[in-house]
Protein backbone atom coordinates (compact mmCIF):
# COMPACT_ATOMS: atom_id res chain seq x y z
CA MET A 1 -26.16 40.93 -51.28
CA SER A 2 -24.30 41.04 -54.98
CA GLU A 3 -23.00 38.07 -55.72
CA VAL A 4 -19.18 38.01 -56.91
CA PRO A 5 -19.69 36.92 -60.43
CA ASN A 6 -22.05 40.11 -60.50
CA LEU A 7 -19.11 42.57 -59.35
CA SER A 8 -16.51 41.25 -61.63
CA ALA A 9 -18.80 41.70 -64.47
CA VAL A 10 -19.15 45.60 -63.07
CA LEU A 11 -15.21 45.37 -62.99
CA ARG A 12 -14.92 44.39 -66.48
CA ARG A 13 -16.26 47.51 -67.80
CA PHE A 14 -13.77 49.59 -65.80
CA PRO A 15 -11.42 49.97 -68.79
CA GLY A 16 -12.35 52.59 -71.22
CA GLN A 17 -13.99 54.90 -68.79
CA ASN A 18 -13.45 58.40 -69.41
CA ILE A 19 -13.94 60.43 -66.24
CA LEU A 20 -12.95 64.28 -65.76
CA VAL A 21 -11.51 65.09 -62.17
CA ILE A 22 -11.77 68.61 -61.26
CA GLY A 23 -10.39 69.94 -57.94
CA ASP A 24 -7.07 70.54 -55.51
CA VAL A 25 -4.45 68.56 -56.47
CA ILE A 26 -1.63 67.94 -53.86
CA LEU A 27 2.02 66.57 -54.09
CA ASP A 28 2.30 64.17 -51.04
CA ARG A 29 5.90 63.89 -50.04
CA TYR A 30 7.28 61.32 -47.58
CA TRP A 31 10.43 61.17 -45.63
CA TRP A 32 10.82 58.02 -44.19
CA GLY A 33 13.26 57.09 -41.03
CA GLU A 34 13.94 55.89 -38.12
CA ALA A 35 13.29 57.49 -34.59
CA SER A 36 15.46 55.88 -31.53
CA ARG A 37 16.01 58.72 -29.35
CA LEU A 38 14.70 62.77 -28.21
CA SER A 39 16.22 65.37 -28.93
CA PRO A 40 18.42 67.21 -26.52
CA GLU A 41 17.07 70.65 -28.01
CA ALA A 42 13.34 69.99 -27.18
CA PRO A 43 11.21 66.88 -26.36
CA VAL A 44 10.69 65.42 -29.68
CA PRO A 45 11.83 62.46 -31.61
CA VAL A 46 15.12 62.59 -33.63
CA VAL A 47 14.29 61.05 -36.99
CA ARG A 48 17.33 59.78 -39.00
CA LYS A 49 15.77 59.95 -42.61
CA GLN A 50 16.62 56.90 -45.15
CA ARG A 51 14.86 58.17 -48.15
CA SER A 52 11.70 60.39 -49.39
CA THR A 53 9.18 59.15 -51.93
CA VAL A 54 6.40 61.42 -53.58
CA ARG A 55 2.37 60.07 -54.54
CA PRO A 56 0.29 62.09 -56.16
CA GLY A 57 -2.44 63.93 -53.43
CA GLY A 58 -5.92 65.11 -53.28
CA ALA A 59 -7.66 65.42 -56.57
CA ALA A 60 -4.40 64.01 -57.88
CA ASN A 61 -4.40 60.96 -56.04
CA THR A 62 -8.41 60.76 -57.17
CA ALA A 63 -7.47 60.70 -60.85
CA ALA A 64 -4.20 57.89 -59.91
CA ASN A 65 -6.96 56.28 -58.24
CA LEU A 66 -9.20 56.25 -61.44
CA ALA A 67 -6.11 55.13 -63.61
CA ALA A 68 -4.61 52.24 -61.34
CA LEU A 69 -8.35 50.90 -61.79
CA GLY A 70 -8.28 50.95 -65.72
CA ALA A 71 -9.91 54.23 -66.13
CA THR A 72 -8.49 57.28 -68.55
CA PRO A 73 -8.85 60.47 -65.98
CA TYR A 74 -8.46 64.19 -67.64
CA LEU A 75 -7.21 66.19 -64.80
CA VAL A 76 -7.88 69.77 -64.26
CA GLY A 77 -6.28 71.52 -61.49
CA SER A 78 -3.88 74.37 -60.35
CA VAL A 79 -0.14 74.23 -59.61
CA GLY A 80 2.66 76.41 -59.74
CA THR A 81 5.75 76.80 -61.64
CA ASP A 82 7.83 75.20 -59.26
CA ARG A 83 10.05 72.25 -58.41
CA GLU A 84 7.01 70.79 -56.61
CA SER A 85 4.90 70.93 -59.68
CA THR A 86 7.57 68.94 -61.87
CA GLU A 87 7.89 66.51 -59.06
CA LEU A 88 4.14 65.94 -58.95
CA GLN A 89 3.61 66.05 -62.72
CA GLY A 90 6.33 62.90 -62.65
CA ALA A 91 4.20 61.16 -60.21
CA LEU A 92 1.08 61.77 -61.72
CA ARG A 93 2.94 60.53 -65.08
CA GLU A 94 4.22 57.53 -63.15
CA CYS A 95 0.54 56.61 -62.42
CA GLY A 96 -1.08 56.81 -66.37
CA VAL A 97 -2.39 60.52 -65.64
CA ALA A 98 -1.92 62.80 -67.98
CA VAL A 99 -0.79 66.45 -67.04
CA ASP A 100 -2.15 68.06 -70.28
CA PHE A 101 -5.01 70.07 -68.44
CA LEU A 102 -2.97 71.34 -65.00
CA ILE A 103 -3.54 75.21 -64.92
CA SER A 104 0.15 76.64 -64.13
CA GLU A 105 -0.27 79.95 -62.29
CA ASP A 106 2.87 81.85 -61.32
CA THR A 107 2.00 83.20 -58.13
CA ARG A 108 0.57 80.25 -56.07
CA PRO A 109 2.89 77.43 -54.56
CA THR A 110 2.17 73.81 -55.52
CA THR A 111 0.34 72.33 -52.83
CA THR A 112 2.42 70.31 -50.82
CA LYS A 113 1.92 67.79 -47.92
CA THR A 114 5.72 66.80 -46.15
CA ARG A 115 4.98 63.76 -43.92
CA VAL A 116 7.66 62.42 -41.33
CA ILE A 117 7.28 58.80 -40.86
CA ALA A 118 9.24 57.09 -38.34
CA SER A 119 8.72 53.28 -37.64
CA HIS A 120 5.25 53.46 -39.69
CA GLN A 121 4.34 56.11 -37.02
CA GLN A 122 3.90 59.55 -38.59
CA ILE A 123 5.68 61.88 -36.56
CA VAL A 124 4.77 65.60 -38.01
CA ARG A 125 3.54 67.02 -41.34
CA VAL A 126 4.67 70.08 -42.91
CA ASP A 127 1.89 72.05 -44.98
CA GLU A 128 3.04 74.49 -47.89
CA GLU A 129 0.42 75.85 -49.86
CA SER A 130 -2.05 79.10 -51.04
CA VAL A 131 -5.67 78.92 -50.38
CA ALA A 132 -6.31 82.32 -52.05
CA PRO A 133 -9.06 82.02 -54.61
CA LEU A 134 -8.05 81.08 -57.98
CA ALA A 135 -7.52 84.23 -60.26
CA GLY A 136 -9.15 85.20 -62.88
CA ASP A 137 -6.95 84.45 -66.08
CA ALA A 138 -6.26 80.91 -64.68
CA GLU A 139 -10.23 80.43 -64.15
CA ASP A 140 -10.57 81.35 -67.53
CA ARG A 141 -8.13 78.87 -68.43
CA ALA A 142 -9.90 76.10 -66.36
CA ARG A 143 -13.04 76.71 -67.82
CA GLU A 144 -11.60 76.14 -71.20
CA ALA A 145 -9.98 72.77 -69.98
CA ILE A 146 -13.17 71.80 -68.45
CA ALA A 147 -15.23 72.31 -71.86
CA LYS A 148 -13.25 70.29 -74.09
CA CYS A 149 -12.60 67.31 -71.18
CA LEU A 150 -15.98 67.28 -70.87
CA GLU A 151 -16.74 66.21 -74.36
CA LYS A 152 -15.03 63.24 -73.68
CA ALA A 153 -15.85 62.41 -70.19
CA LYS A 154 -18.54 60.11 -68.94
CA ALA A 155 -18.89 62.03 -65.35
CA VAL A 156 -17.30 63.93 -63.49
CA VAL A 157 -15.94 63.78 -60.14
CA VAL A 158 -15.41 67.04 -57.69
CA SER A 159 -12.16 66.69 -54.34
CA ASP A 160 -12.66 69.81 -53.41
CA TYR A 161 -9.65 70.20 -50.72
CA ALA A 162 -9.86 73.93 -49.71
CA LYS A 163 -7.44 75.17 -51.28
CA GLY A 164 -8.97 78.10 -53.70
CA PHE A 165 -8.91 76.35 -56.61
CA LEU A 166 -12.57 75.48 -56.59
CA THR A 167 -14.18 79.02 -56.84
CA PRO A 168 -17.84 79.04 -56.91
CA SER A 169 -17.84 80.54 -60.22
CA LEU A 170 -15.83 77.56 -61.13
CA LEU A 171 -18.06 74.95 -59.48
CA HIS A 172 -21.07 76.34 -60.73
CA PHE A 173 -19.90 76.29 -64.03
CA ALA A 174 -18.70 72.91 -64.24
CA ILE A 175 -22.27 71.26 -62.56
CA ALA A 176 -24.08 72.98 -64.88
CA ARG A 177 -22.59 72.64 -68.03
CA ALA A 178 -22.07 68.65 -67.17
CA GLY A 179 -25.78 68.60 -66.49
CA ARG A 180 -26.77 70.34 -69.60
CA ALA A 181 -24.44 67.48 -70.97
CA GLY A 182 -26.10 64.63 -69.22
CA LYS A 183 -23.11 63.84 -67.18
CA ARG A 184 -23.41 62.64 -63.51
CA VAL A 185 -21.48 64.79 -61.46
CA PHE A 186 -19.70 63.13 -57.78
CA VAL A 187 -18.65 65.64 -55.00
CA ASP A 188 -16.08 64.80 -52.40
CA PRO A 189 -17.17 68.01 -50.55
CA LYS A 190 -15.24 70.56 -48.00
CA GLY A 191 -16.68 73.36 -46.29
CA GLY A 192 -20.17 74.58 -44.56
CA ASP A 193 -21.89 75.42 -47.76
CA TYR A 194 -23.31 72.85 -49.13
CA ALA A 195 -25.08 75.19 -51.71
CA ARG A 196 -21.88 75.40 -53.96
CA TYR A 197 -22.41 71.88 -54.65
CA GLN A 198 -26.02 71.96 -55.70
CA GLY A 199 -27.18 70.22 -58.93
CA CYS A 200 -24.47 67.22 -58.33
CA TYR A 201 -25.83 63.57 -58.93
CA LEU A 202 -23.89 62.39 -55.10
CA MET A 203 -22.03 63.77 -52.59
CA LYS A 204 -19.72 62.05 -50.46
CA PRO A 205 -18.91 63.30 -47.22
CA ASN A 206 -17.45 61.60 -44.20
CA ARG A 207 -18.75 61.96 -40.43
CA LEU A 208 -16.99 65.28 -39.80
CA GLU A 209 -17.71 66.96 -43.40
CA LEU A 210 -21.42 65.69 -42.67
CA SER A 211 -21.70 68.18 -39.18
CA ILE A 212 -19.92 70.58 -40.57
CA LEU A 213 -22.09 70.50 -43.78
CA THR A 214 -25.07 70.37 -40.90
CA GLY A 215 -24.40 71.95 -37.95
CA LEU A 216 -25.48 68.60 -36.25
CA PRO A 217 -22.91 66.66 -34.29
CA VAL A 218 -22.40 63.52 -35.94
CA ARG A 219 -20.33 60.97 -33.61
CA ASP A 220 -22.12 57.67 -34.44
CA HIS A 221 -24.76 56.03 -36.80
CA GLU A 222 -27.67 57.18 -34.98
CA GLU A 223 -26.74 61.37 -35.40
CA THR A 224 -25.52 59.99 -38.73
CA VAL A 225 -28.61 59.56 -39.76
CA GLU A 226 -30.02 62.58 -38.67
CA ALA A 227 -27.97 64.73 -40.23
CA GLY A 228 -27.69 62.79 -43.72
CA ASN A 229 -31.82 63.15 -43.96
CA ARG A 230 -31.38 66.86 -42.91
CA LEU A 231 -28.70 67.25 -45.97
CA SER A 232 -30.83 64.76 -47.83
CA ALA A 233 -33.82 67.41 -47.94
CA ALA A 234 -31.59 70.40 -47.92
CA MET A 235 -30.17 69.14 -51.87
CA PRO A 236 -33.05 67.62 -53.60
CA GLY A 237 -32.21 65.35 -56.35
CA THR A 238 -28.57 64.29 -54.95
CA MET A 239 -27.75 61.22 -53.52
CA ILE A 240 -25.75 61.65 -49.95
CA LEU A 241 -23.11 58.93 -49.04
CA VAL A 242 -21.84 59.20 -46.05
CA THR A 243 -18.54 57.16 -45.02
CA GLU A 244 -18.39 55.94 -41.16
CA GLY A 245 -15.25 54.54 -40.89
CA VAL A 246 -15.18 51.44 -38.90
CA ASP A 247 -19.09 51.72 -39.47
CA GLY A 248 -19.29 51.80 -43.03
CA MET A 249 -21.12 54.08 -45.26
CA THR A 250 -24.95 55.01 -45.40
CA LEU A 251 -26.68 56.40 -48.44
CA PHE A 252 -29.60 58.75 -48.63
CA ALA A 253 -31.64 59.27 -51.11
CA GLU A 254 -35.07 60.79 -51.79
CA SER A 255 -37.08 58.39 -53.80
CA ARG A 256 -35.32 54.97 -52.40
CA ALA A 257 -34.76 53.90 -48.75
CA MET A 258 -32.10 54.26 -46.72
CA GLU A 259 -29.17 51.82 -47.07
CA ARG A 260 -26.48 51.22 -44.99
CA LEU A 261 -23.35 48.68 -45.76
CA ALA A 262 -20.77 46.97 -43.22
CA SER A 263 -17.25 47.95 -43.81
CA ALA A 264 -14.57 45.11 -45.27
CA PRO A 265 -12.56 43.90 -41.91
CA ARG A 266 -9.15 44.90 -42.43
CA GLN A 267 -5.92 46.37 -40.61
CA VAL A 268 -5.67 49.56 -40.44
CA TYR A 269 -2.04 51.42 -40.96
CA ASP A 270 -3.00 54.80 -42.67
CA VAL A 271 -6.48 56.59 -43.72
CA THR A 272 -4.71 58.98 -45.93
CA GLY A 273 -6.13 59.14 -49.09
CA ALA A 274 -8.98 56.45 -48.33
CA GLY A 275 -11.70 59.01 -49.42
CA ASP A 276 -10.37 59.87 -52.94
CA THR A 277 -9.69 55.85 -53.18
CA VAL A 278 -13.92 55.74 -52.27
CA LEU A 279 -14.90 58.36 -54.51
CA ALA A 280 -12.63 57.11 -57.61
CA THR A 281 -14.49 53.64 -57.33
CA LEU A 282 -18.08 54.88 -56.19
CA ALA A 283 -17.95 56.68 -59.78
CA LEU A 284 -16.33 54.37 -61.89
CA ALA A 285 -18.76 51.63 -60.75
CA ILE A 286 -21.52 53.54 -61.56
CA CYS A 287 -20.39 54.47 -64.97
CA ALA A 288 -19.70 51.13 -65.42
CA GLY A 289 -23.54 50.28 -64.76
CA ALA A 290 -23.10 48.65 -61.26
CA SER A 291 -26.10 49.52 -58.97
CA TYR A 292 -25.83 51.91 -55.94
CA ARG A 293 -25.03 48.84 -53.71
CA GLU A 294 -22.96 47.11 -56.20
CA ALA A 295 -21.14 50.76 -55.67
CA MET A 296 -20.59 50.69 -52.29
CA GLU A 297 -19.71 47.30 -52.06
CA LEU A 298 -17.03 47.78 -54.49
CA ALA A 299 -16.01 51.27 -52.92
CA THR A 300 -15.84 49.53 -49.38
CA GLU A 301 -13.65 47.15 -50.48
CA ALA A 302 -11.10 49.39 -52.03
CA ALA A 303 -11.27 51.25 -49.04
CA ALA A 304 -10.18 48.87 -47.02
CA ILE A 305 -7.24 48.16 -49.01
CA ALA A 306 -6.29 51.48 -48.92
CA ILE A 307 -5.93 51.90 -45.34
CA SER A 308 -3.98 48.62 -45.08
CA THR A 309 -1.03 50.88 -46.86
CA MET A 310 1.52 53.07 -45.31
CA GLY A 311 1.01 56.32 -46.94
CA THR A 312 -0.83 57.55 -49.81
CA ALA A 313 -2.11 54.51 -51.86
CA THR A 314 -3.89 53.50 -55.17
CA VAL A 315 -5.68 50.21 -55.41
CA THR A 316 -5.53 48.71 -59.05
CA LEU A 317 -8.01 46.62 -60.57
CA PRO A 318 -6.31 43.26 -59.64
CA GLN A 319 -6.08 43.93 -56.10
CA LEU A 320 -10.05 44.97 -56.40
CA GLU A 321 -10.43 41.55 -58.16
CA THR A 322 -8.51 39.67 -55.63
CA ALA A 323 -10.57 41.26 -52.98
CA LEU A 324 -13.79 40.36 -54.20
CA HIS A 325 -12.88 36.72 -54.34
CA ASP A 326 -11.29 36.11 -51.01
CA ARG A 327 -13.89 38.35 -49.34
CA LEU A 328 -16.44 36.98 -46.52
CA PRO A 329 -19.82 37.93 -47.89
CA PRO A 330 -21.24 41.91 -47.60
CA VAL A 331 -23.59 42.38 -44.98
CA VAL A 332 -26.26 44.82 -45.61
CA LEU A 333 -26.93 46.22 -42.02
CA GLU A 334 -29.70 48.33 -42.62
CA LYS A 335 -32.44 49.13 -45.61
CA VAL A 336 -35.33 50.98 -44.09
């Protein structure tokens, strides 16, 4: 069990860390309102819209979380030349994330998720996107941006939402280039092809993603152990950290004992973007010198804060510091 002073010392090293974030950037739009009656046209609620907000989503949310925790993120992703791109870039700037390395494409829209929220309940989500692979000239520009940012970054975070930006060739380029530079790569995966991420330092699937990656059922911790061990064996040299919701998270690595950490108890309002928060906190903590267990503890605390907020949320360094001092001691459930 890590002492709070040790974790506080890690947090003090968060500012000044430069992290490269690569992946699918998304505009998360929210329409907030009230629903007091059903439509006479169909059995659906009528929502009286009261306000609208936008937040960075996907890899952009990962970058926003890094900035909120005091780091300097370099974000490389693809946007369109539409109004949504302007909104997303404005939201990123408000979060302290530079937009200099976003790749614009005339032929694809900015990925946008519009959620209708009534009385703290999500009624529907509407997605606008293209999942076509990144065009050749855009991929060339992305490679140039990645190479430039790698010179200043201490580590790389890959946030894959399967929206077409992370082509196999671009992923291979980024992971290989980072490896040659001695920079660790942290991945939030999508899809069943784990070979896309070979060479990364750490992969962070949730249970559903782990099931897709291994072809095994992953419905509880026992099944997580079986599937996690299989994926770990298939990816030598890569640590596998599985997030298990209310059951915490479990770390698999060839050279160390499996370790499981309980989740911090917290009221759940919205899990949107919680995985981005975990990935950002985990990578930043390890870059700041935390042990794996300390990084897991900090990521668990950050996730607990994120899911207690409605909508895509970032967790700030002061919030995390306060949570550490107010919390109950973490519980290591298993270490075998």
